[in-house]
Amino acid sequence: MRNKYIESFEQAQLEGKTIPEFRAGDTLKVSVRIKEGDKERIQDYEGLCISIRGEGTGRTFTVRKMGANSVGVERIFPLYSDSIENIEVRRRGRVRRAKLYYQRALKGKAARIKELRRK
């Protein structure tokens, strides 16, 4: 059971944020606000969501993309962070696991995930 003061604080943090429904296996495009000196810009980070963990305002998700020379790059984002401008679901993946850590060992065609087709 959680403290009622913490719950009320978390509810205030959650208000005003619209986050799309996604899960592990989906391809996401995360628009991140980056501050360089006194300038601010938005950079897109697109990759496969390999895990979602936590609850409430502490919820995080991990996105893995293939960088240069087929080197995998993973980044963990807090779901309710102010630095996240937008989250867009590009593809829905059909997977049978909640955590896709096995993707770290796969490359090329072996790392493909089937697309979830809805009628």
PDB file of N, CA and C in Angstrom:
ATOM      1  N   MET A   1       0.836  -1.174   0.000  1.00  0.00           N
ATOM      2  CA  MET A   1       0.000   0.000   0.000  1.00  0.00           C
ATOM      3  C   MET A   1       0.891   1.251   0.000  1.00  0.00           C
ATOM      4  N   ARG A   2       0.509   2.210  -0.805  1.00  0.00           N
ATOM      5  CA  ARG A   2       1.313   3.420  -0.941  1.00  0.00           C
ATOM      6  C   ARG A   2       0.770   4.551  -0.076  1.00  0.00           C
ATOM      7  N   ASN A   3       1.619   5.468   0.253  1.00  0.00           N
ATOM      8  CA  ASN A   3       1.259   6.637   1.049  1.00  0.00           C
ATOM      9  C   ASN A   3       0.299   7.526   0.241  1.00  0.00           C
ATOM     10  N   LYS A   4      -0.736   8.035   0.873  1.00  0.00           N
ATOM     11  CA  LYS A   4      -1.732   8.837   0.160  1.00  0.00           C
ATOM     12  C   LYS A   4      -1.150  10.161  -0.347  1.00  0.00           C
ATOM     13  N   TYR A   5      -0.138  10.704   0.341  1.00  0.00           N
ATOM     14  CA  TYR A   5       0.493  11.947  -0.107  1.00  0.00           C
ATOM     15  C   TYR A   5       1.323  11.714  -1.367  1.00  0.00           C
ATOM     16  N   ILE A   6       1.997  10.590  -1.404  1.00  0.00           N
ATOM     17  CA  ILE A   6       2.782  10.239  -2.596  1.00  0.00           C
ATOM     18  C   ILE A   6       1.855  10.002  -3.777  1.00  0.00           C
ATOM     19  N   GLU A   7       0.742   9.319  -3.533  1.00  0.00           N
ATOM     20  CA  GLU A   7      -0.231   9.063  -4.603  1.00  0.00           C
ATOM     21  C   GLU A   7      -0.809  10.355  -5.157  1.00  0.00           C
ATOM     22  N   SER A   8      -1.134  11.310  -4.288  1.00  0.00           N
ATOM     23  CA  SER A   8      -1.695  12.578  -4.766  1.00  0.00           C
ATOM     24  C   SER A   8      -0.658  13.370  -5.558  1.00  0.00           C
ATOM     25  N   PHE A   9       0.611  13.313  -5.121  1.00  0.00           N
ATOM     26  CA  PHE A   9       1.684  13.982  -5.858  1.00  0.00           C
ATOM     27  C   PHE A   9       1.862  13.360  -7.241  1.00  0.00           C
ATOM     28  N   GLU A  10       1.826  12.027  -7.305  1.00  0.00           N
ATOM     29  CA  GLU A  10       1.972  11.338  -8.589  1.00  0.00           C
ATOM     30  C   GLU A  10       0.815  11.649  -9.520  1.00  0.00           C
ATOM     31  N   GLN A  11      -0.392  11.743  -8.996  1.00  0.00           N
ATOM     32  CA  GLN A  11      -1.547  12.074  -9.830  1.00  0.00           C
ATOM     33  C   GLN A  11      -1.385  13.462 -10.448  1.00  0.00           C
ATOM     34  N   ALA A  12      -0.842  14.403  -9.679  1.00  0.00           N
ATOM     35  CA  ALA A  12      -0.608  15.754 -10.205  1.00  0.00           C
ATOM     36  C   ALA A  12       0.443  15.724 -11.311  1.00  0.00           C
ATOM     37  N   GLN A  13       1.431  14.847 -11.191  1.00  0.00           N
ATOM     38  CA  GLN A  13       2.479  14.720 -12.205  1.00  0.00           C
ATOM     39  C   GLN A  13       1.935  14.095 -13.495  1.00  0.00           C
ATOM     40  N   LEU A  14       0.999  13.163 -13.361  1.00  0.00           N
ATOM     41  CA  LEU A  14       0.480  12.423 -14.514  1.00  0.00           C
ATOM     42  C   LEU A  14      -0.503  13.241 -15.342  1.00  0.00           C
ATOM     43  N   GLU A  15      -1.139  14.246 -14.738  1.00  0.00           N
ATOM     44  CA  GLU A  15      -2.145  15.031 -15.449  1.00  0.00           C
ATOM     45  C   GLU A  15      -1.506  15.847 -16.568  1.00  0.00           C
ATOM     46  N   GLY A  16      -2.205  15.907 -17.697  1.00  0.00           N
ATOM     47  CA  GLY A  16      -1.735  16.723 -18.823  1.00  0.00           C
ATOM     48  C   GLY A  16      -0.830  15.985 -19.790  1.00  0.00           C
ATOM     49  N   LYS A  17      -0.387  14.783 -19.441  1.00  0.00           N
ATOM     50  CA  LYS A  17       0.482  14.014 -20.332  1.00  0.00           C
ATOM     51  C   LYS A  17      -0.363  12.999 -21.087  1.00  0.00           C
ATOM     52  N   THR A  18      -0.272  13.023 -22.421  1.00  0.00           N
ATOM     53  CA  THR A  18      -0.952  12.003 -23.225  1.00  0.00           C
ATOM     54  C   THR A  18       0.111  11.071 -23.779  1.00  0.00           C
ATOM     55  N   ILE A  19       0.054   9.838 -23.360  1.00  0.00           N
ATOM     56  CA  ILE A  19       1.050   8.851 -23.761  1.00  0.00           C
ATOM     57  C   ILE A  19       0.318   7.726 -24.483  1.00  0.00           C
ATOM     58  N   PRO A  20       0.780   7.373 -25.696  1.00  0.00           N
ATOM     59  CA  PRO A  20       0.107   6.300 -26.431  1.00  0.00           C
ATOM     60  C   PRO A  20       0.325   4.951 -25.757  1.00  0.00           C
ATOM     61  N   GLU A  21      -0.578   4.039 -26.025  1.00  0.00           N
ATOM     62  CA  GLU A  21      -0.453   2.707 -25.460  1.00  0.00           C
ATOM     63  C   GLU A  21       0.518   1.904 -26.315  1.00  0.00           C
ATOM     64  N   PHE A  22       1.571   1.402 -25.703  1.00  0.00           N
ATOM     65  CA  PHE A  22       2.544   0.575 -26.415  1.00  0.00           C
ATOM     66  C   PHE A  22       3.059  -0.490 -25.475  1.00  0.00           C
ATOM     67  N   ARG A  23       3.735  -1.488 -26.048  1.00  0.00           N
ATOM     68  CA  ARG A  23       4.286  -2.567 -25.246  1.00  0.00           C
ATOM     69  C   ARG A  23       5.582  -3.050 -25.873  1.00  0.00           C
ATOM     70  N   ALA A  24       6.225  -3.995 -25.246  1.00  0.00           N
ATOM     71  CA  ALA A  24       7.474  -4.532 -25.772  1.00  0.00           C
ATOM     72  C   ALA A  24       7.215  -5.167 -27.140  1.00  0.00           C
ATOM     73  N   GLY A  25       8.100  -4.912 -28.084  1.00  0.00           N
ATOM     74  CA  GLY A  25       7.947  -5.426 -29.438  1.00  0.00           C
ATOM     75  C   GLY A  25       7.500  -4.367 -30.420  1.00  0.00           C
ATOM     76  N   ASP A  26       7.029  -3.229 -29.917  1.00  0.00           N
ATOM     77  CA  ASP A  26       6.597  -2.138 -30.789  1.00  0.00           C
ATOM     78  C   ASP A  26       7.792  -1.282 -31.186  1.00  0.00           C
ATOM     79  N   THR A  27       7.744  -0.769 -32.411  1.00  0.00           N
ATOM     80  CA  THR A  27       8.766   0.164 -32.862  1.00  0.00           C
ATOM     81  C   THR A  27       8.286   1.566 -32.543  1.00  0.00           C
ATOM     82  N   LEU A  28       9.105   2.300 -31.792  1.00  0.00           N
ATOM     83  CA  LEU A  28       8.716   3.623 -31.308  1.00  0.00           C
ATOM     84  C   LEU A  28       9.619   4.696 -31.884  1.00  0.00           C
ATOM     85  N   LYS A  29       9.045   5.878 -32.044  1.00  0.00           N
ATOM     86  CA  LYS A  29       9.818   7.069 -32.378  1.00  0.00           C
ATOM     87  C   LYS A  29       9.629   8.031 -31.221  1.00  0.00           C
ATOM     88  N   VAL A  30      10.700   8.229 -30.450  1.00  0.00           N
ATOM     89  CA  VAL A  30      10.657   9.077 -29.265  1.00  0.00           C
ATOM     90  C   VAL A  30      11.328  10.400 -29.603  1.00  0.00           C
ATOM     91  N   SER A  31      10.596  11.488 -29.472  1.00  0.00           N
ATOM     92  CA  SER A  31      11.152  12.823 -29.698  1.00  0.00           C
ATOM     93  C   SER A  31      11.646  13.358 -28.364  1.00  0.00           C
ATOM     94  N   VAL A  32      12.965  13.559 -28.276  1.00  0.00           N
ATOM     95  CA  VAL A  32      13.603  13.954 -27.022  1.00  0.00           C
ATOM     96  C   VAL A  32      14.094  15.386 -27.124  1.00  0.00           C
ATOM     97  N   ARG A  33      13.824  16.181 -26.088  1.00  0.00           N
ATOM     98  CA  ARG A  33      14.300  17.545 -26.020  1.00  0.00           C
ATOM     99  C   ARG A  33      15.733  17.525 -25.506  1.00  0.00           C
ATOM    100  N   ILE A  34      16.666  18.096 -26.285  1.00  0.00           N
ATOM    101  CA  ILE A  34      18.073  18.128 -25.911  1.00  0.00           C
ATOM    102  C   ILE A  34      18.508  19.569 -25.741  1.00  0.00           C
ATOM    103  N   LYS A  35      19.179  19.821 -24.627  1.00  0.00           N
ATOM    104  CA  LYS A  35      19.638  21.172 -24.342  1.00  0.00           C
ATOM    105  C   LYS A  35      21.150  21.226 -24.524  1.00  0.00           C
ATOM    106  N   GLU A  36      21.607  22.125 -25.403  1.00  0.00           N
ATOM    107  CA  GLU A  36      23.033  22.313 -25.646  1.00  0.00           C
ATOM    108  C   GLU A  36      23.362  23.767 -25.366  1.00  0.00           C
ATOM    109  N   GLY A  37      23.996  24.023 -24.241  1.00  0.00           N
ATOM    110  CA  GLY A  37      24.270  25.397 -23.848  1.00  0.00           C
ATOM    111  C   GLY A  37      22.980  26.105 -23.509  1.00  0.00           C
ATOM    112  N   ASP A  38      22.693  27.204 -24.222  1.00  0.00           N
ATOM    113  CA  ASP A  38      21.433  27.914 -24.001  1.00  0.00           C
ATOM    114  C   ASP A  38      20.416  27.607 -25.092  1.00  0.00           C
ATOM    115  N   LYS A  39      20.779  26.712 -26.044  1.00  0.00           N
ATOM    116  CA  LYS A  39      19.859  26.329 -27.119  1.00  0.00           C
ATOM    117  C   LYS A  39      19.177  25.008 -26.782  1.00  0.00           C
ATOM    118  N   GLU A  40      17.998  24.835 -27.356  1.00  0.00           N
ATOM    119  CA  GLU A  40      17.241  23.619 -27.147  1.00  0.00           C
ATOM    120  C   GLU A  40      16.735  23.108 -28.486  1.00  0.00           C
ATOM    121  N   ARG A  41      16.856  21.791 -28.709  1.00  0.00           N
ATOM    122  CA  ARG A  41      16.378  21.209 -29.955  1.00  0.00           C
ATOM    123  C   ARG A  41      15.714  19.871 -29.661  1.00  0.00           C
ATOM    124  N   ILE A  42      15.003  19.357 -30.668  1.00  0.00           N
ATOM    125  CA  ILE A  42      14.317  18.072 -30.514  1.00  0.00           C
ATOM    126  C   ILE A  42      14.988  17.063 -31.428  1.00  0.00           C
ATOM    127  N   GLN A  43      15.369  15.922 -30.848  1.00  0.00           N
ATOM    128  CA  GLN A  43      16.018  14.862 -31.606  1.00  0.00           C
ATOM    129  C   GLN A  43      15.161  13.606 -31.524  1.00  0.00           C
ATOM    130  N   ASP A  44      14.967  12.947 -32.662  1.00  0.00           N
ATOM    131  CA  ASP A  44      14.179  11.718 -32.703  1.00  0.00           C
ATOM    132  C   ASP A  44      15.071  10.512 -32.452  1.00  0.00           C
ATOM    133  N   TYR A  45      14.547   9.568 -31.688  1.00  0.00           N
ATOM    134  CA  TYR A  45      15.251   8.328 -31.378  1.00  0.00           C
ATOM    135  C   TYR A  45      14.274   7.213 -31.724  1.00  0.00           C
ATOM    136  N   GLU A  46      14.563   6.459 -32.771  1.00  0.00           N
ATOM    137  CA  GLU A  46      13.628   5.429 -33.243  1.00  0.00           C
ATOM    138  C   GLU A  46      14.239   4.054 -33.084  1.00  0.00           C
ATOM    139  N   GLY A  47      13.473   3.159 -32.473  1.00  0.00           N
ATOM    140  CA  GLY A  47      13.960   1.805 -32.278  1.00  0.00           C
ATOM    141  C   GLY A  47      12.891   0.913 -31.671  1.00  0.00           C
ATOM    142  N   LEU A  48      13.309  -0.274 -31.292  1.00  0.00           N
ATOM    143  CA  LEU A  48      12.429  -1.309 -30.768  1.00  0.00           C
ATOM    144  C   LEU A  48      12.319  -1.181 -29.255  1.00  0.00           C
ATOM    145  N   CYS A  49      11.098  -1.181 -28.751  1.00  0.00           N
ATOM    146  CA  CYS A  49      10.885  -1.164 -27.305  1.00  0.00           C
ATOM    147  C   CYS A  49      11.134  -2.580 -26.795  1.00  0.00           C
ATOM    148  N   ILE A  50      12.170  -2.756 -25.967  1.00  0.00           N
ATOM    149  CA  ILE A  50      12.494  -4.108 -25.504  1.00  0.00           C
ATOM    150  C   ILE A  50      12.009  -4.380 -24.081  1.00  0.00           C
ATOM    151  N   SER A  51      11.667  -3.321 -23.330  1.00  0.00           N
ATOM    152  CA  SER A  51      11.126  -3.572 -21.989  1.00  0.00           C
ATOM    153  C   SER A  51      10.416  -2.344 -21.445  1.00  0.00           C
ATOM    154  N   ILE A  52       9.463  -2.617 -20.554  1.00  0.00           N
ATOM    155  CA  ILE A  52       8.763  -1.580 -19.804  1.00  0.00           C
ATOM    156  C   ILE A  52       8.774  -2.040 -18.355  1.00  0.00           C
ATOM    157  N   ARG A  53       9.156  -1.150 -17.449  1.00  0.00           N
ATOM    158  CA  ARG A  53       9.221  -1.543 -16.044  1.00  0.00           C
ATOM    159  C   ARG A  53       8.757  -0.401 -15.146  1.00  0.00           C
ATOM    160  N   GLY A  54       8.424  -0.736 -13.907  1.00  0.00           N
ATOM    161  CA  GLY A  54       8.029   0.256 -12.917  1.00  0.00           C
ATOM    162  C   GLY A  54       6.542   0.547 -12.945  1.00  0.00           C
ATOM    163  N   GLU A  55       6.160   1.474 -12.071  1.00  0.00           N
ATOM    164  CA  GLU A  55       4.759   1.880 -12.012  1.00  0.00           C
ATOM    165  C   GLU A  55       4.676   3.338 -11.592  1.00  0.00           C
ATOM    166  N   GLY A  56       3.569   3.960 -11.900  1.00  0.00           N
ATOM    167  CA  GLY A  56       3.359   5.358 -11.541  1.00  0.00           C
ATOM    168  C   GLY A  56       4.317   6.273 -12.277  1.00  0.00           C
ATOM    169  N   THR A  57       4.825   7.268 -11.584  1.00  0.00           N
ATOM    170  CA  THR A  57       5.732   8.225 -12.221  1.00  0.00           C
ATOM    171  C   THR A  57       7.125   7.648 -12.412  1.00  0.00           C
ATOM    172  N   GLY A  58       7.425   6.537 -11.771  1.00  0.00           N
ATOM    173  CA  GLY A  58       8.736   5.903 -11.912  1.00  0.00           C
ATOM    174  C   GLY A  58       8.813   4.920 -13.053  1.00  0.00           C
ATOM    175  N   ARG A  59       7.796   4.885 -13.897  1.00  0.00           N
ATOM    176  CA  ARG A  59       7.745   3.930 -15.004  1.00  0.00           C
ATOM    177  C   ARG A  59       8.764   4.307 -16.082  1.00  0.00           C
ATOM    178  N   THR A  60       9.529   3.327 -16.563  1.00  0.00           N
ATOM    179  CA  THR A  60      10.524   3.561 -17.604  1.00  0.00           C
ATOM    180  C   THR A  60      10.360   2.548 -18.723  1.00  0.00           C
ATOM    181  N   PHE A  61      10.891   2.900 -19.900  1.00  0.00           N
ATOM    182  CA  PHE A  61      10.901   1.956 -21.016  1.00  0.00           C
ATOM    183  C   PHE A  61      12.252   2.036 -21.719  1.00  0.00           C
ATOM    184  N   THR A  62      12.688   0.907 -22.267  1.00  0.00           N
ATOM    185  CA  THR A  62      13.982   0.816 -22.927  1.00  0.00           C
ATOM    186  C   THR A  62      13.765   0.673 -24.423  1.00  0.00           C
ATOM    187  N   VAL A  63      14.455   1.510 -25.200  1.00  0.00           N
ATOM    188  CA  VAL A  63      14.366   1.481 -26.659  1.00  0.00           C
ATOM    189  C   VAL A  63      15.739   1.113 -27.206  1.00  0.00           C
ATOM    190  N   ARG A  64      15.771   0.145 -28.110  1.00  0.00           N
ATOM    191  CA  ARG A  64      17.022  -0.322 -28.714  1.00  0.00           C
ATOM    192  C   ARG A  64      16.990  -0.036 -30.202  1.00  0.00           C
ATOM    193  N   LYS A  65      18.052   0.603 -30.692  1.00  0.00           N
ATOM    194  CA  LYS A  65      18.157   0.842 -32.131  1.00  0.00           C
ATOM    195  C   LYS A  65      19.518   0.361 -32.601  1.00  0.00           C
ATOM    196  N   MET A  66      19.613   0.058 -33.869  1.00  0.00           N
ATOM    197  CA  MET A  66      20.876  -0.363 -34.449  1.00  0.00           C
ATOM    198  C   MET A  66      21.589   0.877 -34.957  1.00  0.00           C
ATOM    199  N   GLY A  67      22.736   1.164 -34.368  1.00  0.00           N
ATOM    200  CA  GLY A  67      23.523   2.334 -34.746  1.00  0.00           C
ATOM    201  C   GLY A  67      24.451   2.017 -35.904  1.00  0.00           C
ATOM    202  N   ALA A  68      25.496   2.796 -36.030  1.00  0.00           N
ATOM    203  CA  ALA A  68      26.468   2.620 -37.099  1.00  0.00           C
ATOM    204  C   ALA A  68      27.236   1.304 -36.913  1.00  0.00           C
ATOM    205  N   ASN A  69      27.614   0.688 -38.006  1.00  0.00           N
ATOM    206  CA  ASN A  69      28.375  -0.574 -38.005  1.00  0.00           C
ATOM    207  C   ASN A  69      27.663  -1.698 -37.260  1.00  0.00           C
ATOM    208  N   SER A  70      26.344  -1.710 -37.303  1.00  0.00           N
ATOM    209  CA  SER A  70      25.521  -2.739 -36.658  1.00  0.00           C
ATOM    210  C   SER A  70      25.804  -2.876 -35.160  1.00  0.00           C
ATOM    211  N   VAL A  71      26.024  -1.758 -34.515  1.00  0.00           N
ATOM    212  CA  VAL A  71      26.215  -1.749 -33.064  1.00  0.00           C
ATOM    213  C   VAL A  71      24.893  -1.324 -32.434  1.00  0.00           C
ATOM    214  N   GLY A  72      24.380  -2.146 -31.541  1.00  0.00           N
ATOM    215  CA  GLY A  72      23.117  -1.833 -30.891  1.00  0.00           C
ATOM    216  C   GLY A  72      23.285  -0.756 -29.829  1.00  0.00           C
ATOM    217  N   VAL A  73      22.356   0.205 -29.815  1.00  0.00           N
ATOM    218  CA  VAL A  73      22.384   1.284 -28.834  1.00  0.00           C
ATOM    219  C   VAL A  73      21.058   1.264 -28.092  1.00  0.00           C
ATOM    220  N   GLU A  74      21.137   1.137 -26.759  1.00  0.00           N
ATOM    221  CA  GLU A  74      19.929   1.120 -25.944  1.00  0.00           C
ATOM    222  C   GLU A  74      19.857   2.382 -25.114  1.00  0.00           C
ATOM    223  N   ARG A  75      18.645   2.856 -24.925  1.00  0.00           N
ATOM    224  CA  ARG A  75      18.445   4.056 -24.126  1.00  0.00           C
ATOM    225  C   ARG A  75      17.210   3.857 -23.258  1.00  0.00           C
ATOM    226  N   ILE A  76      17.316   4.205 -21.996  1.00  0.00           N
ATOM    227  CA  ILE A  76      16.203   4.069 -21.053  1.00  0.00           C
ATOM    228  C   ILE A  76      15.578   5.440 -20.846  1.00  0.00           C
ATOM    229  N   PHE A  77      14.271   5.519 -21.077  1.00  0.00           N
ATOM    230  CA  PHE A  77      13.545   6.776 -20.939  1.00  0.00           C
ATOM    231  C   PHE A  77      12.559   6.690 -19.780  1.00  0.00           C
ATOM    232  N   PRO A  78      12.508   7.686 -18.900  1.00  0.00           N
ATOM    233  CA  PRO A  78      11.408   7.764 -17.936  1.00  0.00           C
ATOM    234  C   PRO A  78      10.138   8.159 -18.704  1.00  0.00           C
ATOM    235  N   LEU A  79       9.065   7.442 -18.501  1.00  0.00           N
ATOM    236  CA  LEU A  79       7.847   7.646 -19.283  1.00  0.00           C
ATOM    237  C   LEU A  79       7.263   9.038 -19.107  1.00  0.00           C
ATOM    238  N   TYR A  80       7.301   9.575 -17.888  1.00  0.00           N
ATOM    239  CA  TYR A  80       6.687  10.867 -17.620  1.00  0.00           C
ATOM    240  C   TYR A  80       7.714  11.985 -17.506  1.00  0.00           C
ATOM    241  N   SER A  81       8.814  11.866 -18.237  1.00  0.00           N
ATOM    242  CA  SER A  81       9.872  12.868 -18.200  1.00  0.00           C
ATOM    243  C   SER A  81       9.460  14.126 -18.973  1.00  0.00           C
ATOM    244  N   ASP A  82       9.922  15.280 -18.511  1.00  0.00           N
ATOM    245  CA  ASP A  82       9.662  16.535 -19.216  1.00  0.00           C
ATOM    246  C   ASP A  82      10.498  16.635 -20.482  1.00  0.00           C
ATOM    247  N   SER A  83      11.579  15.864 -20.572  1.00  0.00           N
ATOM    248  CA  SER A  83      12.450  15.929 -21.754  1.00  0.00           C
ATOM    249  C   SER A  83      11.859  15.185 -22.941  1.00  0.00           C
ATOM    250  N   ILE A  84      10.833  14.374 -22.727  1.00  0.00           N
ATOM    251  CA  ILE A  84      10.181  13.670 -23.840  1.00  0.00           C
ATOM    252  C   ILE A  84       9.077  14.560 -24.390  1.00  0.00           C
ATOM    253  N   GLU A  85       9.231  14.918 -25.656  1.00  0.00           N
ATOM    254  CA  GLU A  85       8.261  15.775 -26.333  1.00  0.00           C
ATOM    255  C   GLU A  85       7.064  14.958 -26.828  1.00  0.00           C
ATOM    256  N   ASN A  86       7.370  13.811 -27.454  1.00  0.00           N
ATOM    257  CA  ASN A  86       6.324  13.014 -28.094  1.00  0.00           C
ATOM    258  C   ASN A  86       6.785  11.574 -28.211  1.00  0.00           C
ATOM    259  N   ILE A  87       5.832  10.639 -28.142  1.00  0.00           N
ATOM    260  CA  ILE A  87       6.103   9.227 -28.400  1.00  0.00           C
ATOM    261  C   ILE A  87       5.135   8.783 -29.482  1.00  0.00           C
ATOM    262  N   GLU A  88       5.681   8.239 -30.552  1.00  0.00           N
ATOM    263  CA  GLU A  88       4.845   7.787 -31.673  1.00  0.00           C
ATOM    264  C   GLU A  88       5.097   6.297 -31.901  1.00  0.00           C
ATOM    265  N   VAL A  89       4.023   5.528 -32.019  1.00  0.00           N
ATOM    266  CA  VAL A  89       4.143   4.094 -32.285  1.00  0.00           C
ATOM    267  C   VAL A  89       4.177   3.910 -33.790  1.00  0.00           C
ATOM    268  N   ARG A  90       5.303   3.421 -34.316  1.00  0.00           N
ATOM    269  CA  ARG A  90       5.464   3.240 -35.755  1.00  0.00           C
ATOM    270  C   ARG A  90       4.912   1.895 -36.222  1.00  0.00           C
ATOM    271  N   ARG A  91       5.242   0.818 -35.492  1.00  0.00           N
ATOM    272  CA  ARG A  91       4.792  -0.530 -35.836  1.00  0.00           C
ATOM    273  C   ARG A  91       4.419  -1.270 -34.565  1.00  0.00           C
ATOM    274  N   ARG A  92       3.431  -2.113 -34.667  1.00  0.00           N
ATOM    275  CA  ARG A  92       3.071  -2.986 -33.554  1.00  0.00           C
ATOM    276  C   ARG A  92       3.729  -4.344 -33.817  1.00  0.00           C
ATOM    277  N   GLY A  93       4.460  -4.832 -32.839  1.00  0.00           N
ATOM    278  CA  GLY A  93       5.147  -6.102 -33.006  1.00  0.00           C
ATOM    279  C   GLY A  93       4.395  -7.235 -32.341  1.00  0.00           C
ATOM    280  N   ARG A  94       4.493  -8.427 -32.953  1.00  0.00           N
ATOM    281  CA  ARG A  94       3.841  -9.610 -32.398  1.00  0.00           C
ATOM    282  C   ARG A  94       4.905 -10.427 -31.679  1.00  0.00           C
ATOM    283  N   VAL A  95       4.928 -10.324 -30.345  1.00  0.00           N
ATOM    284  CA  VAL A  95       5.907 -11.043 -29.545  1.00  0.00           C
ATOM    285  C   VAL A  95       5.203 -11.772 -28.415  1.00  0.00           C
ATOM    286  N   ARG A  96       5.906 -12.738 -27.818  1.00  0.00           N
ATOM    287  CA  ARG A  96       5.318 -13.539 -26.754  1.00  0.00           C
ATOM    288  C   ARG A  96       6.063 -13.360 -25.438  1.00  0.00           C
ATOM    289  N   ARG A  97       6.829 -12.301 -25.334  1.00  0.00           N
ATOM    290  CA  ARG A  97       7.604 -12.030 -24.132  1.00  0.00           C
ATOM    291  C   ARG A  97       7.357 -10.591 -23.677  1.00  0.00           C
ATOM    292  N   ALA A  98       7.554 -10.333 -22.404  1.00  0.00           N
ATOM    293  CA  ALA A  98       7.432  -8.984 -21.873  1.00  0.00           C
ATOM    294  C   ALA A  98       8.760  -8.251 -21.939  1.00  0.00           C
ATOM    295  N   LYS A  99       9.855  -9.002 -21.879  1.00  0.00           N
ATOM    296  CA  LYS A  99      11.192  -8.427 -21.963  1.00  0.00           C
ATOM    297  C   LYS A  99      11.914  -9.097 -23.129  1.00  0.00           C
ATOM    298  N   LEU A 100      12.383  -8.287 -24.065  1.00  0.00           N
ATOM    299  CA  LEU A 100      13.007  -8.819 -25.284  1.00  0.00           C
ATOM    300  C   LEU A 100      14.526  -8.699 -25.240  1.00  0.00           C
ATOM    301  N   TYR A 101      15.127  -9.097 -24.128  1.00  0.00           N
ATOM    302  CA  TYR A 101      16.572  -8.989 -23.981  1.00  0.00           C
ATOM    303  C   TYR A 101      17.319  -9.915 -24.930  1.00  0.00           C
ATOM    304  N   TYR A 102      16.657 -10.956 -25.442  1.00  0.00           N
ATOM    305  CA  TYR A 102      17.296 -11.866 -26.383  1.00  0.00           C
ATOM    306  C   TYR A 102      17.664 -11.157 -27.682  1.00  0.00           C
ATOM    307  N   GLN A 103      17.063  -9.996 -27.950  1.00  0.00           N
ATOM    308  CA  GLN A 103      17.364  -9.227 -29.163  1.00  0.00           C
ATOM    309  C   GLN A 103      18.815  -8.741 -29.176  1.00  0.00           C
ATOM    310  N   ARG A 104      19.429  -8.641 -28.018  1.00  0.00           N
ATOM    311  CA  ARG A 104      20.814  -8.157 -27.925  1.00  0.00           C
ATOM    312  C   ARG A 104      21.785  -9.089 -28.633  1.00  0.00           C
ATOM    313  N   ALA A 105      21.459 -10.366 -28.701  1.00  0.00           N
ATOM    314  CA  ALA A 105      22.358 -11.348 -29.306  1.00  0.00           C
ATOM    315  C   ALA A 105      22.079 -11.556 -30.795  1.00  0.00           C
ATOM    316  N   LEU A 106      21.012 -10.947 -31.312  1.00  0.00           N
ATOM    317  CA  LEU A 106      20.615 -11.187 -32.697  1.00  0.00           C
ATOM    318  C   LEU A 106      20.997 -10.021 -33.604  1.00  0.00           C
ATOM    319  N   LYS A 107      21.257 -10.353 -34.880  1.00  0.00           N
ATOM    320  CA  LYS A 107      21.576  -9.330 -35.883  1.00  0.00           C
ATOM    321  C   LYS A 107      20.827  -9.636 -37.172  1.00  0.00           C
ATOM    322  N   GLY A 108      20.621  -8.608 -37.969  1.00  0.00           N
ATOM    323  CA  GLY A 108      20.066  -8.775 -39.320  1.00  0.00           C
ATOM    324  C   GLY A 108      18.681  -9.383 -39.340  1.00  0.00           C
ATOM    325  N   LYS A 109      18.496 -10.370 -40.222  1.00  0.00           N
ATOM    326  CA  LYS A 109      17.182 -10.982 -40.395  1.00  0.00           C
ATOM    327  C   LYS A 109      16.719 -11.738 -39.158  1.00  0.00           C
ATOM    328  N   ALA A 110      17.645 -12.254 -38.387  1.00  0.00           N
ATOM    329  CA  ALA A 110      17.295 -13.006 -37.181  1.00  0.00           C
ATOM    330  C   ALA A 110      16.631 -12.109 -36.138  1.00  0.00           C
ATOM    331  N   ALA A 111      16.903 -10.822 -36.202  1.00  0.00           N
ATOM    332  CA  ALA A 111      16.371  -9.888 -35.202  1.00  0.00           C
ATOM    333  C   ALA A 111      15.013  -9.318 -35.598  1.00  0.00           C
ATOM    334  N   ARG A 112      14.474  -9.753 -36.733  1.00  0.00           N
ATOM    335  CA  ARG A 112      13.180  -9.220 -37.163  1.00  0.00           C
ATOM    336  C   ARG A 112      12.057  -9.665 -36.251  1.00  0.00           C
ATOM    337  N   ILE A 113      11.053  -8.818 -36.131  1.00  0.00           N
ATOM    338  CA  ILE A 113       9.846  -9.126 -35.359  1.00  0.00           C
ATOM    339  C   ILE A 113       8.658  -8.978 -36.290  1.00  0.00           C
ATOM    340  N   LYS A 114       7.772  -9.973 -36.251  1.00  0.00           N
ATOM    341  CA  LYS A 114       6.591  -9.926 -37.113  1.00  0.00           C
ATOM    342  C   LYS A 114       5.683  -8.775 -36.693  1.00  0.00           C
ATOM    343  N   GLU A 115       5.026  -8.190 -37.684  1.00  0.00           N
ATOM    344  CA  GLU A 115       4.118  -7.092 -37.399  1.00  0.00           C
ATOM    345  C   GLU A 115       2.760  -7.635 -37.002  1.00  0.00           C
ATOM    346  N   LEU A 116       2.174  -7.002 -36.010  1.00  0.00           N
ATOM    347  CA  LEU A 116       0.846  -7.384 -35.537  1.00  0.00           C
ATOM    348  C   LEU A 116      -0.184  -6.738 -36.436  1.00  0.00           C
ATOM    349  N   ARG A 117      -0.956  -7.543 -37.112  1.00  0.00           N
ATOM    350  CA  ARG A 117      -1.997  -7.038 -38.013  1.00  0.00           C
ATOM    351  C   ARG A 117      -3.340  -7.164 -37.337  1.00  0.00           C
ATOM    352  N   ARG A 118      -4.049  -6.067 -37.258  1.00  0.00           N
ATOM    353  CA  ARG A 118      -5.379  -6.090 -36.629  1.00  0.00           C
ATOM    354  C   ARG A 118      -6.444  -5.950 -37.701  1.00  0.00           C
ATOM    355  N   LYS A 119      -7.560  -6.621 -37.511  1.00  0.00           N
ATOM    356  CA  LYS A 119      -8.635  -6.568 -38.491  1.00  0.00           C
ATOM    357  C   LYS A 119      -9.528  -5.374 -38.254  1.00  0.00           C
TER     358      LYS A 119
END
